[in-house]
Amino acid sequence: MSHDDAYVTKMQKKIDEWREAFATLQTKAESAGGDAKVDFHKRAEGLASKAEVVTTKIAELRLAGKEQWDGLKREVGKIYGELRTTTDRMARPAR
């Protein structure tokens, strides 16, 4: 497995783990109901589409040549970071 393949595999695993964490948060919000449910949906807006974008970018990385690799890698890292940061904030109890 090349260094590039290892990165793609690592990022795909991270996205899969993110999806699991997000689903757990969604389940908690749904069962809490009321304001928690409304707040979750408001804050989650756009996360699913970002997850699809990063999944597409990871697929593009698998096929990318050397000239596209670095740019795609930066995009994947940036989008994943945004997903993770937003989800981590959502997991914290409201103050």
PDB file of N, CA and C in Angstrom:
ATOM      1  N   MET A   1       0.856  -1.181   0.000  1.00  0.00           N
ATOM      2  CA  MET A   1       0.000   0.000   0.000  1.00  0.00           C
ATOM      3  C   MET A   1       0.896   1.236   0.000  1.00  0.00           C
ATOM      4  N   SER A   2       0.661   2.121  -0.956  1.00  0.00           N
ATOM      5  CA  SER A   2       1.464   3.334  -1.028  1.00  0.00           C
ATOM      6  C   SER A   2       1.028   4.319   0.054  1.00  0.00           C
ATOM      7  N   HIS A   3       1.834   5.329   0.229  1.00  0.00           N
ATOM      8  CA  HIS A   3       1.532   6.393   1.192  1.00  0.00           C
ATOM      9  C   HIS A   3       0.185   7.033   0.846  1.00  0.00           C
ATOM     10  N   ASP A   4      -0.044   7.239  -0.452  1.00  0.00           N
ATOM     11  CA  ASP A   4      -1.297   7.843  -0.901  1.00  0.00           C
ATOM     12  C   ASP A   4      -2.492   6.945  -0.584  1.00  0.00           C
ATOM     13  N   ASP A   5      -2.347   5.649  -0.823  1.00  0.00           N
ATOM     14  CA  ASP A   5      -3.421   4.701  -0.510  1.00  0.00           C
ATOM     15  C   ASP A   5      -3.710   4.672   0.986  1.00  0.00           C
ATOM     16  N   ALA A   6      -2.657   4.760   1.777  1.00  0.00           N
ATOM     17  CA  ALA A   6      -2.825   4.751   3.233  1.00  0.00           C
ATOM     18  C   ALA A   6      -3.610   5.983   3.684  1.00  0.00           C
ATOM     19  N   TYR A   7      -3.319   7.129   3.087  1.00  0.00           N
ATOM     20  CA  TYR A   7      -4.042   8.356   3.446  1.00  0.00           C
ATOM     21  C   TYR A   7      -5.517   8.230   3.079  1.00  0.00           C
ATOM     22  N   VAL A   8      -5.805   7.746   1.884  1.00  0.00           N
ATOM     23  CA  VAL A   8      -7.201   7.583   1.445  1.00  0.00           C
ATOM     24  C   VAL A   8      -7.938   6.639   2.386  1.00  0.00           C
ATOM     25  N   THR A   9      -7.319   5.527   2.722  1.00  0.00           N
ATOM     26  CA  THR A   9      -7.930   4.563   3.637  1.00  0.00           C
ATOM     27  C   THR A   9      -8.175   5.188   5.004  1.00  0.00           C
ATOM     28  N   LYS A  10      -7.193   5.935   5.508  1.00  0.00           N
ATOM     29  CA  LYS A  10      -7.328   6.599   6.807  1.00  0.00           C
ATOM     30  C   LYS A  10      -8.477   7.602   6.801  1.00  0.00           C
ATOM     31  N   MET A  11      -8.570   8.405   5.749  1.00  0.00           N
ATOM     32  CA  MET A  11      -9.633   9.413   5.693  1.00  0.00           C
ATOM     33  C   MET A  11     -11.002   8.766   5.517  1.00  0.00           C
ATOM     34  N   GLN A  12     -11.081   7.695   4.753  1.00  0.00           N
ATOM     35  CA  GLN A  12     -12.366   7.008   4.610  1.00  0.00           C
ATOM     36  C   GLN A  12     -12.810   6.451   5.954  1.00  0.00           C
ATOM     37  N   LYS A  13     -11.868   5.912   6.712  1.00  0.00           N
ATOM     38  CA  LYS A  13     -12.189   5.390   8.048  1.00  0.00           C
ATOM     39  C   LYS A  13     -12.661   6.519   8.960  1.00  0.00           C
ATOM     40  N   LYS A  14     -11.998   7.674   8.890  1.00  0.00           N
ATOM     41  CA  LYS A  14     -12.399   8.817   9.713  1.00  0.00           C
ATOM     42  C   LYS A  14     -13.815   9.283   9.355  1.00  0.00           C
ATOM     43  N   ILE A  15     -14.137   9.312   8.072  1.00  0.00           N
ATOM     44  CA  ILE A  15     -15.483   9.719   7.648  1.00  0.00           C
ATOM     45  C   ILE A  15     -16.509   8.698   8.127  1.00  0.00           C
ATOM     46  N   ASP A  16     -16.190   7.426   8.035  1.00  0.00           N
ATOM     47  CA  ASP A  16     -17.108   6.391   8.528  1.00  0.00           C
ATOM     48  C   ASP A  16     -17.338   6.553  10.029  1.00  0.00           C
ATOM     49  N   GLU A  17     -16.283   6.832  10.786  1.00  0.00           N
ATOM     50  CA  GLU A  17     -16.412   7.060  12.230  1.00  0.00           C
ATOM     51  C   GLU A  17     -17.229   8.318  12.502  1.00  0.00           C
ATOM     52  N   TRP A  18     -17.014   9.360  11.685  1.00  0.00           N
ATOM     53  CA  TRP A  18     -17.788  10.593  11.851  1.00  0.00           C
ATOM     54  C   TRP A  18     -19.276  10.308  11.641  1.00  0.00           C
ATOM     55  N   ARG A  19     -19.594   9.539  10.607  1.00  0.00           N
ATOM     56  CA  ARG A  19     -21.005   9.203  10.331  1.00  0.00           C
ATOM     57  C   ARG A  19     -21.639   8.480  11.524  1.00  0.00           C
ATOM     58  N   GLU A  20     -20.899   7.582  12.141  1.00  0.00           N
ATOM     59  CA  GLU A  20     -21.403   6.871  13.323  1.00  0.00           C
ATOM     60  C   GLU A  20     -21.645   7.843  14.478  1.00  0.00           C
ATOM     61  N   ALA A  21     -20.695   8.734  14.727  1.00  0.00           N
ATOM     62  CA  ALA A  21     -20.837   9.716  15.811  1.00  0.00           C
ATOM     63  C   ALA A  21     -22.017  10.643  15.541  1.00  0.00           C
ATOM     64  N   PHE A  22     -22.173  11.057  14.295  1.00  0.00           N
ATOM     65  CA  PHE A  22     -23.274  11.936  13.921  1.00  0.00           C
ATOM     66  C   PHE A  22     -24.610  11.232  14.103  1.00  0.00           C
ATOM     67  N   ALA A  23     -24.675   9.962  13.709  1.00  0.00           N
ATOM     68  CA  ALA A  23     -25.914   9.192  13.880  1.00  0.00           C
ATOM     69  C   ALA A  23     -26.270   9.046  15.352  1.00  0.00           C
ATOM     70  N   THR A  24     -25.260   8.868  16.200  1.00  0.00           N
ATOM     71  CA  THR A  24     -25.490   8.781  17.646  1.00  0.00           C
ATOM     72  C   THR A  24     -26.062  10.087  18.177  1.00  0.00           C
ATOM     73  N   LEU A  25     -25.486  11.205  17.754  1.00  0.00           N
ATOM     74  CA  LEU A  25     -26.004  12.514  18.167  1.00  0.00           C
ATOM     75  C   LEU A  25     -27.444  12.698  17.691  1.00  0.00           C
ATOM     76  N   GLN A  26     -27.705  12.295  16.464  1.00  0.00           N
ATOM     77  CA  GLN A  26     -29.051  12.442  15.919  1.00  0.00           C
ATOM     78  C   GLN A  26     -30.056  11.623  16.727  1.00  0.00           C
ATOM     79  N   THR A  27     -29.692  10.414  17.090  1.00  0.00           N
ATOM     80  CA  THR A  27     -30.564   9.553  17.891  1.00  0.00           C
ATOM     81  C   THR A  27     -30.843  10.192  19.247  1.00  0.00           C
ATOM     82  N   LYS A  28     -29.807  10.734  19.878  1.00  0.00           N
ATOM     83  CA  LYS A  28     -29.984  11.394  21.171  1.00  0.00           C
ATOM     84  C   LYS A  28     -30.902  12.597  21.049  1.00  0.00           C
ATOM     85  N   ALA A  29     -30.708  13.385  20.005  1.00  0.00           N
ATOM     86  CA  ALA A  29     -31.549  14.572  19.810  1.00  0.00           C
ATOM     87  C   ALA A  29     -32.994  14.180  19.550  1.00  0.00           C
ATOM     88  N   GLU A  30     -33.201  13.151  18.751  1.00  0.00           N
ATOM     89  CA  GLU A  30     -34.559  12.705  18.445  1.00  0.00           C
ATOM     90  C   GLU A  30     -35.265  12.204  19.701  1.00  0.00           C
ATOM     91  N   SER A  31     -34.537  11.460  20.528  1.00  0.00           N
ATOM     92  CA  SER A  31     -35.169  10.924  21.729  1.00  0.00           C
ATOM     93  C   SER A  31     -35.393  12.005  22.784  1.00  0.00           C
ATOM     94  N   ALA A  32     -34.570  13.046  22.770  1.00  0.00           N
ATOM     95  CA  ALA A  32     -34.746  14.143  23.720  1.00  0.00           C
ATOM     96  C   ALA A  32     -35.964  14.979  23.343  1.00  0.00           C
ATOM     97  N   GLY A  33     -36.193  15.108  22.043  1.00  0.00           N
ATOM     98  CA  GLY A  33     -37.344  15.869  21.566  1.00  0.00           C
ATOM     99  C   GLY A  33     -37.228  17.347  21.872  1.00  0.00           C
ATOM    100  N   GLY A  34     -38.317  18.068  21.663  1.00  0.00           N
ATOM    101  CA  GLY A  34     -38.419  19.486  21.984  1.00  0.00           C
ATOM    102  C   GLY A  34     -37.302  20.335  21.415  1.00  0.00           C
ATOM    103  N   ASP A  35     -36.780  21.213  22.277  1.00  0.00           N
ATOM    104  CA  ASP A  35     -35.747  22.157  21.868  1.00  0.00           C
ATOM    105  C   ASP A  35     -34.466  21.468  21.413  1.00  0.00           C
ATOM    106  N   ALA A  36     -34.123  20.352  22.058  1.00  0.00           N
ATOM    107  CA  ALA A  36     -32.901  19.632  21.681  1.00  0.00           C
ATOM    108  C   ALA A  36     -32.988  19.153  20.234  1.00  0.00           C
ATOM    109  N   LYS A  37     -34.150  18.662  19.874  1.00  0.00           N
ATOM    110  CA  LYS A  37     -34.360  18.168  18.514  1.00  0.00           C
ATOM    111  C   LYS A  37     -34.292  19.323  17.512  1.00  0.00           C
ATOM    112  N   VAL A  38     -34.948  20.406  17.818  1.00  0.00           N
ATOM    113  CA  VAL A  38     -34.944  21.582  16.941  1.00  0.00           C
ATOM    114  C   VAL A  38     -33.529  22.139  16.812  1.00  0.00           C
ATOM    115  N   ASP A  39     -32.832  22.240  17.950  1.00  0.00           N
ATOM    116  CA  ASP A  39     -31.469  22.764  17.951  1.00  0.00           C
ATOM    117  C   ASP A  39     -30.549  21.874  17.122  1.00  0.00           C
ATOM    118  N   PHE A  40     -30.692  20.572  17.276  1.00  0.00           N
ATOM    119  CA  PHE A  40     -29.863  19.640  16.511  1.00  0.00           C
ATOM    120  C   PHE A  40     -30.064  19.862  15.018  1.00  0.00           C
ATOM    121  N   HIS A  41     -31.306  19.893  14.585  1.00  0.00           N
ATOM    122  CA  HIS A  41     -31.584  20.027  13.156  1.00  0.00           C
ATOM    123  C   HIS A  41     -31.086  21.364  12.618  1.00  0.00           C
ATOM    124  N   LYS A  42     -31.188  22.404  13.421  1.00  0.00           N
ATOM    125  CA  LYS A  42     -30.699  23.713  12.997  1.00  0.00           C
ATOM    126  C   LYS A  42     -29.179  23.683  12.829  1.00  0.00           C
ATOM    127  N   ARG A  43     -28.502  23.098  13.796  1.00  0.00           N
ATOM    128  CA  ARG A  43     -27.039  23.065  13.768  1.00  0.00           C
ATOM    129  C   ARG A  43     -26.501  22.049  12.764  1.00  0.00           C
ATOM    130  N   ALA A  44     -27.282  21.022  12.475  1.00  0.00           N
ATOM    131  CA  ALA A  44     -26.834  19.961  11.573  1.00  0.00           C
ATOM    132  C   ALA A  44     -27.028  20.304  10.099  1.00  0.00           C
ATOM    133  N   GLU A  45     -27.728  21.401   9.862  1.00  0.00           N
ATOM    134  CA  GLU A  45     -28.015  21.795   8.488  1.00  0.00           C
ATOM    135  C   GLU A  45     -26.717  21.880   7.676  1.00  0.00           C
ATOM    136  N   GLY A  46     -26.682  21.203   6.613  1.00  0.00           N
ATOM    137  CA  GLY A  46     -25.520  21.244   5.738  1.00  0.00           C
ATOM    138  C   GLY A  46     -24.451  20.201   6.018  1.00  0.00           C
ATOM    139  N   LEU A  47     -24.468  19.589   7.201  1.00  0.00           N
ATOM    140  CA  LEU A  47     -23.420  18.612   7.506  1.00  0.00           C
ATOM    141  C   LEU A  47     -23.502  17.377   6.614  1.00  0.00           C
ATOM    142  N   ALA A  48     -24.698  16.919   6.343  1.00  0.00           N
ATOM    143  CA  ALA A  48     -24.841  15.734   5.496  1.00  0.00           C
ATOM    144  C   ALA A  48     -24.307  16.006   4.093  1.00  0.00           C
ATOM    145  N   SER A  49     -24.582  17.203   3.582  1.00  0.00           N
ATOM    146  CA  SER A  49     -24.070  17.510   2.242  1.00  0.00           C
ATOM    147  C   SER A  49     -22.553  17.644   2.251  1.00  0.00           C
ATOM    148  N   LYS A  50     -21.989  18.191   3.321  1.00  0.00           N
ATOM    149  CA  LYS A  50     -20.523  18.263   3.426  1.00  0.00           C
ATOM    150  C   LYS A  50     -19.923  16.865   3.492  1.00  0.00           C
ATOM    151  N   ALA A  51     -20.593  15.966   4.189  1.00  0.00           N
ATOM    152  CA  ALA A  51     -20.106  14.589   4.275  1.00  0.00           C
ATOM    153  C   ALA A  51     -20.108  13.939   2.896  1.00  0.00           C
ATOM    154  N   GLU A  52     -21.120  14.220   2.096  1.00  0.00           N
ATOM    155  CA  GLU A  52     -21.163  13.680   0.741  1.00  0.00           C
ATOM    156  C   GLU A  52     -20.052  14.279  -0.118  1.00  0.00           C
ATOM    157  N   VAL A  53     -19.800  15.578   0.045  1.00  0.00           N
ATOM    158  CA  VAL A  53     -18.727  16.228  -0.716  1.00  0.00           C
ATOM    159  C   VAL A  53     -17.383  15.604  -0.376  1.00  0.00           C
ATOM    160  N   VAL A  54     -17.119  15.415   0.911  1.00  0.00           N
ATOM    161  CA  VAL A  54     -15.818  14.855   1.302  1.00  0.00           C
ATOM    162  C   VAL A  54     -15.704  13.399   0.841  1.00  0.00           C
ATOM    163  N   THR A  55     -16.783  12.661   0.830  1.00  0.00           N
ATOM    164  CA  THR A  55     -16.765  11.295   0.329  1.00  0.00           C
ATOM    165  C   THR A  55     -16.420  11.286  -1.162  1.00  0.00           C
ATOM    166  N   THR A  56     -16.995  12.218  -1.904  1.00  0.00           N
ATOM    167  CA  THR A  56     -16.691  12.352  -3.331  1.00  0.00           C
ATOM    168  C   THR A  56     -15.223  12.721  -3.540  1.00  0.00           C
ATOM    169  N   LYS A  57     -14.733  13.645  -2.716  1.00  0.00           N
ATOM    170  CA  LYS A  57     -13.328  14.067  -2.829  1.00  0.00           C
ATOM    171  C   LYS A  57     -12.380  12.906  -2.522  1.00  0.00           C
ATOM    172  N   ILE A  58     -12.741  12.070  -1.557  1.00  0.00           N
ATOM    173  CA  ILE A  58     -11.918  10.902  -1.240  1.00  0.00           C
ATOM    174  C   ILE A  58     -11.887   9.951  -2.437  1.00  0.00           C
ATOM    175  N   ALA A  59     -13.018   9.772  -3.095  1.00  0.00           N
ATOM    176  CA  ALA A  59     -13.064   8.931  -4.293  1.00  0.00           C
ATOM    177  C   ALA A  59     -12.187   9.541  -5.391  1.00  0.00           C
ATOM    178  N   GLU A  60     -12.204  10.866  -5.509  1.00  0.00           N
ATOM    179  CA  GLU A  60     -11.358  11.537  -6.497  1.00  0.00           C
ATOM    180  C   GLU A  60      -9.883  11.350  -6.162  1.00  0.00           C
ATOM    181  N   LEU A  61      -9.556  11.342  -4.872  1.00  0.00           N
ATOM    182  CA  LEU A  61      -8.166  11.122  -4.465  1.00  0.00           C
ATOM    183  C   LEU A  61      -7.650   9.774  -4.963  1.00  0.00           C
ATOM    184  N   ARG A  62      -8.517   8.769  -4.926  1.00  0.00           N
ATOM    185  CA  ARG A  62      -8.112   7.428  -5.374  1.00  0.00           C
ATOM    186  C   ARG A  62      -7.652   7.435  -6.829  1.00  0.00           C
ATOM    187  N   LEU A  63      -8.240   8.332  -7.611  1.00  0.00           N
ATOM    188  CA  LEU A  63      -7.959   8.379  -9.048  1.00  0.00           C
ATOM    189  C   LEU A  63      -7.018   9.508  -9.444  1.00  0.00           C
ATOM    190  N   ALA A  64      -6.693  10.379  -8.494  1.00  0.00           N
ATOM    191  CA  ALA A  64      -5.937  11.593  -8.795  1.00  0.00           C
ATOM    192  C   ALA A  64      -4.499  11.309  -9.198  1.00  0.00           C
ATOM    193  N   GLY A  65      -4.052  12.101 -10.133  1.00  0.00           N
ATOM    194  CA  GLY A  65      -2.643  12.084 -10.486  1.00  0.00           C
ATOM    195  C   GLY A  65      -1.872  12.975  -9.524  1.00  0.00           C
ATOM    196  N   LYS A  66      -0.578  12.957  -9.658  1.00  0.00           N
ATOM    197  CA  LYS A  66       0.298  13.727  -8.771  1.00  0.00           C
ATOM    198  C   LYS A  66      -0.079  15.205  -8.746  1.00  0.00           C
ATOM    199  N   GLU A  67      -0.425  15.755  -9.902  1.00  0.00           N
ATOM    200  CA  GLU A  67      -0.716  17.192  -9.973  1.00  0.00           C
ATOM    201  C   GLU A  67      -1.991  17.591  -9.236  1.00  0.00           C
ATOM    202  N   GLN A  68      -2.959  16.685  -9.094  1.00  0.00           N
ATOM    203  CA  GLN A  68      -4.197  17.003  -8.380  1.00  0.00           C
ATOM    204  C   GLN A  68      -4.158  16.586  -6.910  1.00  0.00           C
ATOM    205  N   TRP A  69      -3.271  15.695  -6.563  1.00  0.00           N
ATOM    206  CA  TRP A  69      -3.259  15.069  -5.240  1.00  0.00           C
ATOM    207  C   TRP A  69      -3.219  16.083  -4.104  1.00  0.00           C
ATOM    208  N   ASP A  70      -2.259  16.994  -4.116  1.00  0.00           N
ATOM    209  CA  ASP A  70      -2.079  17.913  -2.988  1.00  0.00           C
ATOM    210  C   ASP A  70      -3.301  18.797  -2.756  1.00  0.00           C
ATOM    211  N   GLY A  71      -3.877  19.307  -3.840  1.00  0.00           N
ATOM    212  CA  GLY A  71      -5.059  20.156  -3.703  1.00  0.00           C
ATOM    213  C   GLY A  71      -6.250  19.391  -3.140  1.00  0.00           C
ATOM    214  N   LEU A  72      -6.469  18.191  -3.654  1.00  0.00           N
ATOM    215  CA  LEU A  72      -7.572  17.368  -3.158  1.00  0.00           C
ATOM    216  C   LEU A  72      -7.346  16.968  -1.703  1.00  0.00           C
ATOM    217  N   LYS A  73      -6.109  16.657  -1.380  1.00  0.00           N
ATOM    218  CA  LYS A  73      -5.790  16.274   0.002  1.00  0.00           C
ATOM    219  C   LYS A  73      -6.099  17.427   0.964  1.00  0.00           C
ATOM    220  N   ARG A  74      -5.741  18.642   0.574  1.00  0.00           N
ATOM    221  CA  ARG A  74      -6.056  19.815   1.408  1.00  0.00           C
ATOM    222  C   ARG A  74      -7.564  19.984   1.564  1.00  0.00           C
ATOM    223  N   GLU A  75      -8.302  19.826   0.447  1.00  0.00           N
ATOM    224  CA  GLU A  75      -9.766  19.954   0.504  1.00  0.00           C
ATOM    225  C   GLU A  75     -10.382  18.923   1.438  1.00  0.00           C
ATOM    226  N   VAL A  76      -9.942  17.680   1.317  1.00  0.00           N
ATOM    227  CA  VAL A  76     -10.464  16.608   2.169  1.00  0.00           C
ATOM    228  C   VAL A  76     -10.188  16.933   3.634  1.00  0.00           C
ATOM    229  N   GLY A  77      -8.969  17.327   3.932  1.00  0.00           N
ATOM    230  CA  GLY A  77      -8.606  17.665   5.311  1.00  0.00           C
ATOM    231  C   GLY A  77      -9.421  18.817   5.860  1.00  0.00           C
ATOM    232  N   LYS A  78      -9.621  19.835   5.040  1.00  0.00           N
ATOM    233  CA  LYS A  78     -10.387  21.013   5.474  1.00  0.00           C
ATOM    234  C   LYS A  78     -11.846  20.649   5.755  1.00  0.00           C
ATOM    235  N   ILE A  79     -12.470  19.955   4.824  1.00  0.00           N
ATOM    236  CA  ILE A  79     -13.884  19.603   4.996  1.00  0.00           C
ATOM    237  C   ILE A  79     -14.060  18.657   6.182  1.00  0.00           C
ATOM    238  N   TYR A  80     -13.176  17.676   6.300  1.00  0.00           N
ATOM    239  CA  TYR A  80     -13.270  16.766   7.444  1.00  0.00           C
ATOM    240  C   TYR A  80     -13.111  17.539   8.750  1.00  0.00           C
ATOM    241  N   GLY A  81     -12.179  18.468   8.795  1.00  0.00           N
ATOM    242  CA  GLY A  81     -11.985  19.283   9.996  1.00  0.00           C
ATOM    243  C   GLY A  81     -13.238  20.052  10.366  1.00  0.00           C
ATOM    244  N   GLU A  82     -13.907  20.607   9.360  1.00  0.00           N
ATOM    245  CA  GLU A  82     -15.159  21.332   9.606  1.00  0.00           C
ATOM    246  C   GLU A  82     -16.239  20.400  10.152  1.00  0.00           C
ATOM    247  N   LEU A  83     -16.352  19.226   9.561  1.00  0.00           N
ATOM    248  CA  LEU A  83     -17.335  18.243  10.043  1.00  0.00           C
ATOM    249  C   LEU A  83     -17.064  17.874  11.494  1.00  0.00           C
ATOM    250  N   ARG A  84     -15.820  17.560  11.782  1.00  0.00           N
ATOM    251  CA  ARG A  84     -15.434  17.127  13.128  1.00  0.00           C
ATOM    252  C   ARG A  84     -15.662  18.242  14.150  1.00  0.00           C
ATOM    253  N   THR A  85     -15.246  19.463  13.822  1.00  0.00           N
ATOM    254  CA  THR A  85     -15.397  20.590  14.740  1.00  0.00           C
ATOM    255  C   THR A  85     -16.871  20.853  15.040  1.00  0.00           C
ATOM    256  N   THR A  86     -17.689  20.875  14.005  1.00  0.00           N
ATOM    257  CA  THR A  86     -19.115  21.135  14.194  1.00  0.00           C
ATOM    258  C   THR A  86     -19.763  20.034  15.010  1.00  0.00           C
ATOM    259  N   THR A  87     -19.438  18.791  14.719  1.00  0.00           N
ATOM    260  CA  THR A  87     -20.013  17.671  15.452  1.00  0.00           C
ATOM    261  C   THR A  87     -19.561  17.675  16.913  1.00  0.00           C
ATOM    262  N   ASP A  88     -18.288  17.976  17.152  1.00  0.00           N
ATOM    263  CA  ASP A  88     -17.797  18.064  18.527  1.00  0.00           C
ATOM    264  C   ASP A  88     -18.533  19.143  19.317  1.00  0.00           C
ATOM    265  N   ARG A  89     -18.785  20.269  18.668  1.00  0.00           N
ATOM    266  CA  ARG A  89     -19.540  21.355  19.329  1.00  0.00           C
ATOM    267  C   ARG A  89     -20.970  20.916  19.634  1.00  0.00           C
ATOM    268  N   MET A  90     -21.558  20.179  18.703  1.00  0.00           N
ATOM    269  CA  MET A  90     -22.934  19.711  18.897  1.00  0.00           C
ATOM    270  C   MET A  90     -23.020  18.702  20.025  1.00  0.00           C
ATOM    271  N   ALA A  91     -21.961  17.968  20.271  1.00  0.00           N
ATOM    272  CA  ALA A  91     -21.968  16.935  21.316  1.00  0.00           C
ATOM    273  C   ALA A  91     -21.854  17.546  22.707  1.00  0.00           C
ATOM    274  N   ARG A  92     -21.344  18.765  22.791  1.00  0.00           N
ATOM    275  CA  ARG A  92     -21.224  19.421  24.095  1.00  0.00           C
ATOM    276  C   ARG A  92     -22.590  19.843  24.590  1.00  0.00           C
ATOM    277  N   PRO A  93     -22.811  19.715  25.897  1.00  0.00           N
ATOM    278  CA  PRO A  93     -24.091  20.172  26.438  1.00  0.00           C
ATOM    279  C   PRO A  93     -24.244  21.681  26.288  1.00  0.00           C
ATOM    280  N   ALA A  94     -25.473  22.099  26.024  1.00  0.00           N
ATOM    281  CA  ALA A  94     -25.762  23.537  25.921  1.00  0.00           C
ATOM    282  C   ALA A  94     -25.556  24.193  27.277  1.00  0.00           C
ATOM    283  N   ARG A  95     -25.099  25.420  27.226  1.00  0.00           N
ATOM    284  CA  ARG A  95     -24.879  26.153  28.481  1.00  0.00           C
ATOM    285  C   ARG A  95     -25.955  27.151  28.728  1.00  0.00           C
TER     286      ARG A  95
END
